[in-house]
Amino acid sequence: YDEDGAWVTCQGSIPQALIAFFDGNNF
């Protein structure tokens, strides 16, 4: 969480979702 609310924006959470996939070994 951050005071500016970036954590609920596309630019503040979609790259994180993508890297979760890329750095994952299975589902």
mmCIF file of all heavy atoms, coordinates in Angstrom:
data_MODEL
# 
_entry.id   MODEL 
# 
loop_
_atom_site.group_PDB 
_atom_site.id 
_atom_site.type_symbol 
_atom_site.label_atom_id 
_atom_site.label_alt_id 
_atom_site.label_comp_id 
_atom_site.label_asym_id 
_atom_site.label_entity_id 
_atom_site.label_seq_id 
_atom_site.pdbx_PDB_ins_code 
_atom_site.Cartn_x 
_atom_site.Cartn_y 
_atom_site.Cartn_z 
_atom_site.occupancy 
_atom_site.B_iso_or_equiv 
_atom_site.pdbx_formal_charge 
_atom_site.auth_seq_id 
_atom_site.auth_comp_id 
_atom_site.auth_asym_id 
_atom_site.auth_atom_id 
_atom_site.pdbx_PDB_model_num 
ATOM 1   N N   . TYR A 1 1  ? 0.825  -1.201  0.000   1.00 0.00 ? 1  TYR A N   1 
ATOM 2   C CA  . TYR A 1 1  ? 0.000  0.000   0.000   1.00 0.00 ? 1  TYR A CA  1 
ATOM 3   C C   . TYR A 1 1  ? 0.862  1.255   0.000   1.00 0.00 ? 1  TYR A C   1 
ATOM 4   O O   . TYR A 1 1  ? 1.956  1.277   0.551   1.00 0.00 ? 1  TYR A O   1 
ATOM 5   C CB  . TYR A 1 1  ? -0.907 -0.015  1.234   1.00 0.00 ? 1  TYR A CB  1 
ATOM 6   C CG  . TYR A 1 1  ? -1.647 -1.306  1.379   1.00 0.00 ? 1  TYR A CG  1 
ATOM 7   C CD1 . TYR A 1 1  ? -1.276 -2.249  2.322   1.00 0.00 ? 1  TYR A CD1 1 
ATOM 8   C CD2 . TYR A 1 1  ? -2.712 -1.598  0.527   1.00 0.00 ? 1  TYR A CD2 1 
ATOM 9   C CE1 . TYR A 1 1  ? -1.942 -3.458  2.429   1.00 0.00 ? 1  TYR A CE1 1 
ATOM 10  C CE2 . TYR A 1 1  ? -3.377 -2.799  0.621   1.00 0.00 ? 1  TYR A CE2 1 
ATOM 11  C CZ  . TYR A 1 1  ? -2.997 -3.727  1.578   1.00 0.00 ? 1  TYR A CZ  1 
ATOM 12  O OH  . TYR A 1 1  ? -3.654 -4.924  1.671   1.00 0.00 ? 1  TYR A OH  1 
ATOM 13  N N   . ASP A 1 2  ? 0.365  2.288   -0.620  1.00 0.00 ? 2  ASP A N   1 
ATOM 14  C CA  . ASP A 1 2  ? 1.056  3.565   -0.617  1.00 0.00 ? 2  ASP A CA  1 
ATOM 15  C C   . ASP A 1 2  ? 0.012  4.665   -0.540  1.00 0.00 ? 2  ASP A C   1 
ATOM 16  O O   . ASP A 1 2  ? -1.135 4.496   -0.972  1.00 0.00 ? 2  ASP A O   1 
ATOM 17  C CB  . ASP A 1 2  ? 1.914  3.725   -1.875  1.00 0.00 ? 2  ASP A CB  1 
ATOM 18  C CG  . ASP A 1 2  ? 1.105  3.640   -3.148  1.00 0.00 ? 2  ASP A CG  1 
ATOM 19  O OD1 . ASP A 1 2  ? 0.561  4.668   -3.572  1.00 0.00 ? 2  ASP A OD1 1 
ATOM 20  O OD2 . ASP A 1 2  ? 1.004  2.528   -3.706  1.00 0.00 ? 2  ASP A OD2 1 
ATOM 21  N N   . GLU A 1 3  ? 0.386  5.785   0.007   1.00 0.00 ? 3  GLU A N   1 
ATOM 22  C CA  . GLU A 1 3  ? -0.555 6.867   0.241   1.00 0.00 ? 3  GLU A CA  1 
ATOM 23  C C   . GLU A 1 3  ? -1.115 7.452   -1.046  1.00 0.00 ? 3  GLU A C   1 
ATOM 24  O O   . GLU A 1 3  ? -2.210 8.001   -1.066  1.00 0.00 ? 3  GLU A O   1 
ATOM 25  C CB  . GLU A 1 3  ? 0.108  7.962   1.077   1.00 0.00 ? 3  GLU A CB  1 
ATOM 26  C CG  . GLU A 1 3  ? 0.445  7.523   2.500   1.00 0.00 ? 3  GLU A CG  1 
ATOM 27  C CD  . GLU A 1 3  ? 1.057  8.647   3.316   1.00 0.00 ? 3  GLU A CD  1 
ATOM 28  O OE1 . GLU A 1 3  ? 1.256  9.750   2.758   1.00 0.00 ? 3  GLU A OE1 1 
ATOM 29  O OE2 . GLU A 1 3  ? 1.338  8.408   4.502   1.00 0.00 ? 3  GLU A OE2 1 
ATOM 30  N N   . ASP A 1 4  ? -0.367 7.339   -2.130  1.00 0.00 ? 4  ASP A N   1 
ATOM 31  C CA  . ASP A 1 4  ? -0.819 7.902   -3.410  1.00 0.00 ? 4  ASP A CA  1 
ATOM 32  C C   . ASP A 1 4  ? -1.805 6.987   -4.131  1.00 0.00 ? 4  ASP A C   1 
ATOM 33  O O   . ASP A 1 4  ? -2.389 7.384   -5.141  1.00 0.00 ? 4  ASP A O   1 
ATOM 34  C CB  . ASP A 1 4  ? 0.377  8.169   -4.317  1.00 0.00 ? 4  ASP A CB  1 
ATOM 35  C CG  . ASP A 1 4  ? 1.304  9.238   -3.758  1.00 0.00 ? 4  ASP A CG  1 
ATOM 36  O OD1 . ASP A 1 4  ? 0.802  10.133  -3.054  1.00 0.00 ? 4  ASP A OD1 1 
ATOM 37  O OD2 . ASP A 1 4  ? 2.515  9.162   -4.012  1.00 0.00 ? 4  ASP A OD2 1 
ATOM 38  N N   . GLY A 1 5  ? -1.967 5.776   -3.649  1.00 0.00 ? 5  GLY A N   1 
ATOM 39  C CA  . GLY A 1 5  ? -2.920 4.858   -4.262  1.00 0.00 ? 5  GLY A CA  1 
ATOM 40  C C   . GLY A 1 5  ? -2.433 4.179   -5.517  1.00 0.00 ? 5  GLY A C   1 
ATOM 41  O O   . GLY A 1 5  ? -3.234 3.619   -6.272  1.00 0.00 ? 5  GLY A O   1 
ATOM 42  N N   . ALA A 1 6  ? -1.113 4.193   -5.757  1.00 0.00 ? 6  ALA A N   1 
ATOM 43  C CA  . ALA A 1 6  ? -0.580 3.565   -6.974  1.00 0.00 ? 6  ALA A CA  1 
ATOM 44  C C   . ALA A 1 6  ? -0.835 2.066   -6.998  1.00 0.00 ? 6  ALA A C   1 
ATOM 45  O O   . ALA A 1 6  ? -0.936 1.471   -8.067  1.00 0.00 ? 6  ALA A O   1 
ATOM 46  C CB  . ALA A 1 6  ? 0.921  3.840   -7.095  1.00 0.00 ? 6  ALA A CB  1 
ATOM 47  N N   . TRP A 1 7  ? -0.966 1.455   -5.844  1.00 0.00 ? 7  TRP A N   1 
ATOM 48  C CA  . TRP A 1 7  ? -1.116 -0.001  -5.756  1.00 0.00 ? 7  TRP A CA  1 
ATOM 49  C C   . TRP A 1 7  ? -2.429 -0.502  -6.353  1.00 0.00 ? 7  TRP A C   1 
ATOM 50  O O   . TRP A 1 7  ? -2.566 -1.692  -6.618  1.00 0.00 ? 7  TRP A O   1 
ATOM 51  C CB  . TRP A 1 7  ? -0.971 -0.461  -4.306  1.00 0.00 ? 7  TRP A CB  1 
ATOM 52  C CG  . TRP A 1 7  ? -2.002 0.109   -3.362  1.00 0.00 ? 7  TRP A CG  1 
ATOM 53  C CD1 . TRP A 1 7  ? -2.012 1.360   -2.823  1.00 0.00 ? 7  TRP A CD1 1 
ATOM 54  C CD2 . TRP A 1 7  ? -3.154 -0.549  -2.851  1.00 0.00 ? 7  TRP A CD2 1 
ATOM 55  N NE1 . TRP A 1 7  ? -3.109 1.525   -2.011  1.00 0.00 ? 7  TRP A NE1 1 
ATOM 56  C CE2 . TRP A 1 7  ? -3.823 0.374   -2.015  1.00 0.00 ? 7  TRP A CE2 1 
ATOM 57  C CE3 . TRP A 1 7  ? -3.694 -1.823  -3.029  1.00 0.00 ? 7  TRP A CE3 1 
ATOM 58  C CZ2 . TRP A 1 7  ? -5.005 0.053   -1.348  1.00 0.00 ? 7  TRP A CZ2 1 
ATOM 59  C CZ3 . TRP A 1 7  ? -4.875 -2.132  -2.354  1.00 0.00 ? 7  TRP A CZ3 1 
ATOM 60  C CH2 . TRP A 1 7  ? -5.512 -1.204  -1.520  1.00 0.00 ? 7  TRP A CH2 1 
ATOM 61  N N   . VAL A 1 8  ? -3.406 0.381   -6.579  1.00 0.00 ? 8  VAL A N   1 
ATOM 62  C CA  . VAL A 1 8  ? -4.659 -0.042  -7.197  1.00 0.00 ? 8  VAL A CA  1 
ATOM 63  C C   . VAL A 1 8  ? -4.811 0.497   -8.619  1.00 0.00 ? 8  VAL A C   1 
ATOM 64  O O   . VAL A 1 8  ? -5.893 0.456   -9.191  1.00 0.00 ? 8  VAL A O   1 
ATOM 65  C CB  . VAL A 1 8  ? -5.886 0.370   -6.351  1.00 0.00 ? 8  VAL A CB  1 
ATOM 66  C CG1 . VAL A 1 8  ? -5.899 -0.389  -5.035  1.00 0.00 ? 8  VAL A CG1 1 
ATOM 67  C CG2 . VAL A 1 8  ? -5.911 1.883   -6.096  1.00 0.00 ? 8  VAL A CG2 1 
ATOM 68  N N   . THR A 1 9  ? -3.720 1.005   -9.199  1.00 0.00 ? 9  THR A N   1 
ATOM 69  C CA  . THR A 1 9  ? -3.750 1.472   -10.582 1.00 0.00 ? 9  THR A CA  1 
ATOM 70  C C   . THR A 1 9  ? -3.203 0.393   -11.506 1.00 0.00 ? 9  THR A C   1 
ATOM 71  O O   . THR A 1 9  ? -2.534 -0.540  -11.073 1.00 0.00 ? 9  THR A O   1 
ATOM 72  C CB  . THR A 1 9  ? -2.895 2.741   -10.758 1.00 0.00 ? 9  THR A CB  1 
ATOM 73  O OG1 . THR A 1 9  ? -1.514 2.406   -10.540 1.00 0.00 ? 9  THR A OG1 1 
ATOM 74  C CG2 . THR A 1 9  ? -3.319 3.828   -9.779  1.00 0.00 ? 9  THR A CG2 1 
ATOM 75  N N   . CYS A 1 10 ? -3.493 0.544   -12.784 1.00 0.00 ? 10 CYS A N   1 
ATOM 76  C CA  . CYS A 1 10 ? -2.906 -0.382  -13.760 1.00 0.00 ? 10 CYS A CA  1 
ATOM 77  C C   . CYS A 1 10 ? -1.389 -0.303  -13.739 1.00 0.00 ? 10 CYS A C   1 
ATOM 78  O O   . CYS A 1 10 ? -0.711 -1.331  -13.643 1.00 0.00 ? 10 CYS A O   1 
ATOM 79  C CB  . CYS A 1 10 ? -3.417 -0.050  -15.165 1.00 0.00 ? 10 CYS A CB  1 
ATOM 80  S SG  . CYS A 1 10 ? -5.102 -0.596  -15.508 1.00 0.00 ? 10 CYS A SG  1 
ATOM 81  N N   . GLN A 1 11 ? -0.858 0.911   -13.809 1.00 0.00 ? 11 GLN A N   1 
ATOM 82  C CA  . GLN A 1 11 ? 0.586  1.075   -13.896 1.00 0.00 ? 11 GLN A CA  1 
ATOM 83  C C   . GLN A 1 11 ? 1.296  0.698   -12.594 1.00 0.00 ? 11 GLN A C   1 
ATOM 84  O O   . GLN A 1 11 ? 2.506  0.423   -12.597 1.00 0.00 ? 11 GLN A O   1 
ATOM 85  C CB  . GLN A 1 11 ? 0.950  2.501   -14.311 1.00 0.00 ? 11 GLN A CB  1 
ATOM 86  C CG  . GLN A 1 11 ? 0.417  3.603   -13.410 1.00 0.00 ? 11 GLN A CG  1 
ATOM 87  C CD  . GLN A 1 11 ? -0.956 4.113   -13.801 1.00 0.00 ? 11 GLN A CD  1 
ATOM 88  O OE1 . GLN A 1 11 ? -1.813 3.343   -14.199 1.00 0.00 ? 11 GLN A OE1 1 
ATOM 89  N NE2 . GLN A 1 11 ? -1.156 5.416   -13.679 1.00 0.00 ? 11 GLN A NE2 1 
ATOM 90  N N   . GLY A 1 12 ? 0.554  0.648   -11.497 1.00 0.00 ? 12 GLY A N   1 
ATOM 91  C CA  . GLY A 1 12 ? 1.148  0.313   -10.216 1.00 0.00 ? 12 GLY A CA  1 
ATOM 92  C C   . GLY A 1 12 ? 0.932  -1.118  -9.780  1.00 0.00 ? 12 GLY A C   1 
ATOM 93  O O   . GLY A 1 12 ? 1.381  -1.500  -8.690  1.00 0.00 ? 12 GLY A O   1 
ATOM 94  N N   . SER A 1 13 ? 0.250  -1.925  -10.594 1.00 0.00 ? 13 SER A N   1 
ATOM 95  C CA  . SER A 1 13 ? 0.009  -3.316  -10.193 1.00 0.00 ? 13 SER A CA  1 
ATOM 96  C C   . SER A 1 13 ? 0.129  -4.316  -11.337 1.00 0.00 ? 13 SER A C   1 
ATOM 97  O O   . SER A 1 13 ? 0.452  -5.481  -11.093 1.00 0.00 ? 13 SER A O   1 
ATOM 98  C CB  . SER A 1 13 ? -1.369 -3.455  -9.541  1.00 0.00 ? 13 SER A CB  1 
ATOM 99  O OG  . SER A 1 13 ? -2.411 -3.121  -10.445 1.00 0.00 ? 13 SER A OG  1 
ATOM 100 N N   . ILE A 1 14 ? -0.114 -3.910  -12.564 1.00 0.00 ? 14 ILE A N   1 
ATOM 101 C CA  . ILE A 1 14 ? -0.015 -4.857  -13.672 1.00 0.00 ? 14 ILE A CA  1 
ATOM 102 C C   . ILE A 1 14 ? 1.426  -5.301  -13.919 1.00 0.00 ? 14 ILE A C   1 
ATOM 103 O O   . ILE A 1 14 ? 1.667  -6.499  -14.132 1.00 0.00 ? 14 ILE A O   1 
ATOM 104 C CB  . ILE A 1 14 ? -0.676 -4.296  -14.950 1.00 0.00 ? 14 ILE A CB  1 
ATOM 105 C CG1 . ILE A 1 14 ? -2.194 -4.278  -14.750 1.00 0.00 ? 14 ILE A CG1 1 
ATOM 106 C CG2 . ILE A 1 14 ? -0.299 -5.142  -16.169 1.00 0.00 ? 14 ILE A CG2 1 
ATOM 107 C CD1 . ILE A 1 14 ? -2.996 -3.767  -15.932 1.00 0.00 ? 14 ILE A CD1 1 
ATOM 108 N N   . PRO A 1 15 ? 2.437  -4.415  -13.874 1.00 0.00 ? 15 PRO A N   1 
ATOM 109 C CA  . PRO A 1 15 ? 3.809  -4.928  -13.995 1.00 0.00 ? 15 PRO A CA  1 
ATOM 110 C C   . PRO A 1 15 ? 4.138  -5.952  -12.911 1.00 0.00 ? 15 PRO A C   1 
ATOM 111 O O   . PRO A 1 15 ? 4.847  -6.929  -13.166 1.00 0.00 ? 15 PRO A O   1 
ATOM 112 C CB  . PRO A 1 15 ? 4.661  -3.665  -13.845 1.00 0.00 ? 15 PRO A CB  1 
ATOM 113 C CG  . PRO A 1 15 ? 3.771  -2.557  -14.306 1.00 0.00 ? 15 PRO A CG  1 
ATOM 114 C CD  . PRO A 1 15 ? 2.402  -2.939  -13.827 1.00 0.00 ? 15 PRO A CD  1 
ATOM 115 N N   . GLN A 1 16 ? 3.594  -5.754  -11.710 1.00 0.00 ? 16 GLN A N   1 
ATOM 116 C CA  . GLN A 1 16 ? 3.832  -6.700  -10.623 1.00 0.00 ? 16 GLN A CA  1 
ATOM 117 C C   . GLN A 1 16 ? 3.161  -8.042  -10.911 1.00 0.00 ? 16 GLN A C   1 
ATOM 118 O O   . GLN A 1 16 ? 3.736  -9.108  -10.630 1.00 0.00 ? 16 GLN A O   1 
ATOM 119 C CB  . GLN A 1 16 ? 3.312  -6.113  -9.309  1.00 0.00 ? 16 GLN A CB  1 
ATOM 120 C CG  . GLN A 1 16 ? 4.163  -4.994  -8.726  1.00 0.00 ? 16 GLN A CG  1 
ATOM 121 C CD  . GLN A 1 16 ? 4.045  -3.664  -9.465  1.00 0.00 ? 16 GLN A CD  1 
ATOM 122 O OE1 . GLN A 1 16 ? 3.134  -3.456  -10.281 1.00 0.00 ? 16 GLN A OE1 1 
ATOM 123 N NE2 . GLN A 1 16 ? 4.939  -2.741  -9.164  1.00 0.00 ? 16 GLN A NE2 1 
ATOM 124 N N   . ALA A 1 17 ? 1.955  -8.001  -11.462 1.00 0.00 ? 17 ALA A N   1 
ATOM 125 C CA  . ALA A 1 17 ? 1.280  -9.250  -11.838 1.00 0.00 ? 17 ALA A CA  1 
ATOM 126 C C   . ALA A 1 17 ? 2.048  -9.976  -12.935 1.00 0.00 ? 17 ALA A C   1 
ATOM 127 O O   . ALA A 1 17 ? 2.164  -11.207 -12.920 1.00 0.00 ? 17 ALA A O   1 
ATOM 128 C CB  . ALA A 1 17 ? -0.150 -8.953  -12.298 1.00 0.00 ? 17 ALA A CB  1 
ATOM 129 N N   . LEU A 1 18 ? 2.584  -9.218  -13.871 1.00 0.00 ? 18 LEU A N   1 
ATOM 130 C CA  . LEU A 1 18 ? 3.350  -9.818  -14.959 1.00 0.00 ? 18 LEU A CA  1 
ATOM 131 C C   . LEU A 1 18 ? 4.629  -10.469 -14.454 1.00 0.00 ? 18 LEU A C   1 
ATOM 132 O O   . LEU A 1 18 ? 4.961  -11.591 -14.847 1.00 0.00 ? 18 LEU A O   1 
ATOM 133 C CB  . LEU A 1 18 ? 3.671  -8.759  -16.017 1.00 0.00 ? 18 LEU A CB  1 
ATOM 134 C CG  . LEU A 1 18 ? 2.485  -8.248  -16.837 1.00 0.00 ? 18 LEU A CG  1 
ATOM 135 C CD1 . LEU A 1 18 ? 2.878  -7.009  -17.643 1.00 0.00 ? 18 LEU A CD1 1 
ATOM 136 C CD2 . LEU A 1 18 ? 1.954  -9.328  -17.770 1.00 0.00 ? 18 LEU A CD2 1 
ATOM 137 N N   . ILE A 1 19 ? 5.344  -9.790  -13.556 1.00 0.00 ? 19 ILE A N   1 
ATOM 138 C CA  . ILE A 1 19 ? 6.597  -10.367 -13.069 1.00 0.00 ? 19 ILE A CA  1 
ATOM 139 C C   . ILE A 1 19 ? 6.316  -11.571 -12.172 1.00 0.00 ? 19 ILE A C   1 
ATOM 140 O O   . ILE A 1 19 ? 7.134  -12.500 -12.095 1.00 0.00 ? 19 ILE A O   1 
ATOM 141 C CB  . ILE A 1 19 ? 7.463  -9.303  -12.349 1.00 0.00 ? 19 ILE A CB  1 
ATOM 142 C CG1 . ILE A 1 19 ? 8.943  -9.712  -12.379 1.00 0.00 ? 19 ILE A CG1 1 
ATOM 143 C CG2 . ILE A 1 19 ? 6.996  -9.063  -10.939 1.00 0.00 ? 19 ILE A CG2 1 
ATOM 144 C CD1 . ILE A 1 19 ? 9.555  -9.756  -13.746 1.00 0.00 ? 19 ILE A CD1 1 
ATOM 145 N N   . ALA A 1 20 ? 5.156  -11.592 -11.530 1.00 0.00 ? 20 ALA A N   1 
ATOM 146 C CA  . ALA A 1 20 ? 4.767  -12.779 -10.759 1.00 0.00 ? 20 ALA A CA  1 
ATOM 147 C C   . ALA A 1 20 ? 4.644  -13.986 -11.678 1.00 0.00 ? 20 ALA A C   1 
ATOM 148 O O   . ALA A 1 20 ? 5.048  -15.106 -11.321 1.00 0.00 ? 20 ALA A O   1 
ATOM 149 C CB  . ALA A 1 20 ? 3.450  -12.528 -10.034 1.00 0.00 ? 20 ALA A CB  1 
ATOM 150 N N   . PHE A 1 21 ? 4.111  -13.762 -12.871 1.00 0.00 ? 21 PHE A N   1 
ATOM 151 C CA  . PHE A 1 21 ? 4.022  -14.836 -13.855 1.00 0.00 ? 21 PHE A CA  1 
ATOM 152 C C   . PHE A 1 21 ? 5.400  -15.207 -14.393 1.00 0.00 ? 21 PHE A C   1 
ATOM 153 O O   . PHE A 1 21 ? 5.780  -16.379 -14.418 1.00 0.00 ? 21 PHE A O   1 
ATOM 154 C CB  . PHE A 1 21 ? 3.104  -14.430 -15.008 1.00 0.00 ? 21 PHE A CB  1 
ATOM 155 C CG  . PHE A 1 21 ? 3.256  -15.276 -16.235 1.00 0.00 ? 21 PHE A CG  1 
ATOM 156 C CD1 . PHE A 1 21 ? 2.868  -16.614 -16.227 1.00 0.00 ? 21 PHE A CD1 1 
ATOM 157 C CD2 . PHE A 1 21 ? 3.804  -14.750 -17.401 1.00 0.00 ? 21 PHE A CD2 1 
ATOM 158 C CE1 . PHE A 1 21 ? 3.029  -17.410 -17.356 1.00 0.00 ? 21 PHE A CE1 1 
ATOM 159 C CE2 . PHE A 1 21 ? 3.957  -15.537 -18.535 1.00 0.00 ? 21 PHE A CE2 1 
ATOM 160 C CZ  . PHE A 1 21 ? 3.570  -16.875 -18.510 1.00 0.00 ? 21 PHE A CZ  1 
ATOM 161 N N   . PHE A 1 22 ? 6.159  -14.220 -14.801 1.00 0.00 ? 22 PHE A N   1 
ATOM 162 C CA  . PHE A 1 22 ? 7.449  -14.505 -15.423 1.00 0.00 ? 22 PHE A CA  1 
ATOM 163 C C   . PHE A 1 22 ? 8.412  -15.209 -14.469 1.00 0.00 ? 22 PHE A C   1 
ATOM 164 O O   . PHE A 1 22 ? 9.203  -16.053 -14.892 1.00 0.00 ? 22 PHE A O   1 
ATOM 165 C CB  . PHE A 1 22 ? 8.080  -13.215 -15.952 1.00 0.00 ? 22 PHE A CB  1 
ATOM 166 C CG  . PHE A 1 22 ? 7.363  -12.630 -17.132 1.00 0.00 ? 22 PHE A CG  1 
ATOM 167 C CD1 . PHE A 1 22 ? 6.975  -11.298 -17.142 1.00 0.00 ? 22 PHE A CD1 1 
ATOM 168 C CD2 . PHE A 1 22 ? 7.076  -13.408 -18.238 1.00 0.00 ? 22 PHE A CD2 1 
ATOM 169 C CE1 . PHE A 1 22 ? 6.312  -10.753 -18.236 1.00 0.00 ? 22 PHE A CE1 1 
ATOM 170 C CE2 . PHE A 1 22 ? 6.402  -12.877 -19.337 1.00 0.00 ? 22 PHE A CE2 1 
ATOM 171 C CZ  . PHE A 1 22 ? 6.026  -11.548 -19.330 1.00 0.00 ? 22 PHE A CZ  1 
ATOM 172 N N   . ASP A 1 23 ? 8.348  -14.869 -13.190 1.00 0.00 ? 23 ASP A N   1 
ATOM 173 C CA  . ASP A 1 23 ? 9.255  -15.473 -12.215 1.00 0.00 ? 23 ASP A CA  1 
ATOM 174 C C   . ASP A 1 23 ? 8.684  -16.736 -11.566 1.00 0.00 ? 23 ASP A C   1 
ATOM 175 O O   . ASP A 1 23 ? 9.315  -17.308 -10.675 1.00 0.00 ? 23 ASP A O   1 
ATOM 176 C CB  . ASP A 1 23 ? 9.611  -14.462 -11.116 1.00 0.00 ? 23 ASP A CB  1 
ATOM 177 C CG  . ASP A 1 23 ? 10.684 -13.481 -11.559 1.00 0.00 ? 23 ASP A CG  1 
ATOM 178 O OD1 . ASP A 1 23 ? 11.172 -13.604 -12.701 1.00 0.00 ? 23 ASP A OD1 1 
ATOM 179 O OD2 . ASP A 1 23 ? 11.046 -12.581 -10.776 1.00 0.00 ? 23 ASP A OD2 1 
ATOM 180 N N   . GLY A 1 24 ? 7.521  -17.176 -12.018 1.00 0.00 ? 24 GLY A N   1 
ATOM 181 C CA  . GLY A 1 24 ? 6.915  -18.387 -11.476 1.00 0.00 ? 24 GLY A CA  1 
ATOM 182 C C   . GLY A 1 24 ? 7.362  -19.632 -12.224 1.00 0.00 ? 24 GLY A C   1 
ATOM 183 O O   . GLY A 1 24 ? 7.661  -19.575 -13.419 1.00 0.00 ? 24 GLY A O   1 
ATOM 184 N N   . ASN A 1 25 ? 7.385  -20.754 -11.522 1.00 0.00 ? 25 ASN A N   1 
ATOM 185 C CA  . ASN A 1 25 ? 7.816  -22.017 -12.118 1.00 0.00 ? 25 ASN A CA  1 
ATOM 186 C C   . ASN A 1 25 ? 6.661  -22.909 -12.537 1.00 0.00 ? 25 ASN A C   1 
ATOM 187 O O   . ASN A 1 25 ? 6.852  -23.854 -13.309 1.00 0.00 ? 25 ASN A O   1 
ATOM 188 C CB  . ASN A 1 25 ? 8.699  -22.783 -11.122 1.00 0.00 ? 25 ASN A CB  1 
ATOM 189 C CG  . ASN A 1 25 ? 9.960  -22.017 -10.767 1.00 0.00 ? 25 ASN A CG  1 
ATOM 190 O OD1 . ASN A 1 25 ? 10.628 -21.470 -11.642 1.00 0.00 ? 25 ASN A OD1 1 
ATOM 191 N ND2 . ASN A 1 25 ? 10.276 -21.956 -9.484  1.00 0.00 ? 25 ASN A ND2 1 
ATOM 192 N N   . ASN A 1 26 ? 5.474  -22.637 -12.019 1.00 0.00 ? 26 ASN A N   1 
ATOM 193 C CA  . ASN A 1 26 ? 4.275  -23.398 -12.343 1.00 0.00 ? 26 ASN A CA  1 
ATOM 194 C C   . ASN A 1 26 ? 3.078  -22.576 -11.909 1.00 0.00 ? 26 ASN A C   1 
ATOM 195 O O   . ASN A 1 26 ? 3.241  -21.462 -11.368 1.00 0.00 ? 26 ASN A O   1 
ATOM 196 C CB  . ASN A 1 26 ? 4.283  -24.779 -11.661 1.00 0.00 ? 26 ASN A CB  1 
ATOM 197 C CG  . ASN A 1 26 ? 4.545  -24.687 -10.170 1.00 0.00 ? 26 ASN A CG  1 
ATOM 198 O OD1 . ASN A 1 26 ? 3.845  -23.976 -9.448  1.00 0.00 ? 26 ASN A OD1 1 
ATOM 199 N ND2 . ASN A 1 26 ? 5.565  -25.394 -9.692  1.00 0.00 ? 26 ASN A ND2 1 
ATOM 200 N N   . PHE A 1 27 ? 1.873  -23.095 -12.118 1.00 0.00 ? 27 PHE A N   1 
ATOM 201 C CA  . PHE A 1 27 ? 0.682  -22.299 -11.808 1.00 0.00 ? 27 PHE A CA  1 
ATOM 202 C C   . PHE A 1 27 ? 0.646  -21.873 -10.348 1.00 0.00 ? 27 PHE A C   1 
ATOM 203 O O   . PHE A 1 27 ? 0.447  -20.697 -10.030 1.00 0.00 ? 27 PHE A O   1 
ATOM 204 C CB  . PHE A 1 27 ? -0.588 -23.077 -12.157 1.00 0.00 ? 27 PHE A CB  1 
ATOM 205 C CG  . PHE A 1 27 ? -1.847 -22.323 -11.813 1.00 0.00 ? 27 PHE A CG  1 
ATOM 206 C CD1 . PHE A 1 27 ? -2.349 -21.368 -12.676 1.00 0.00 ? 27 PHE A CD1 1 
ATOM 207 C CD2 . PHE A 1 27 ? -2.509 -22.553 -10.608 1.00 0.00 ? 27 PHE A CD2 1 
ATOM 208 C CE1 . PHE A 1 27 ? -3.495 -20.638 -12.354 1.00 0.00 ? 27 PHE A CE1 1 
ATOM 209 C CE2 . PHE A 1 27 ? -3.655 -21.834 -10.280 1.00 0.00 ? 27 PHE A CE2 1 
ATOM 210 C CZ  . PHE A 1 27 ? -4.140 -20.878 -11.156 1.00 0.00 ? 27 PHE A CZ  1 
# 
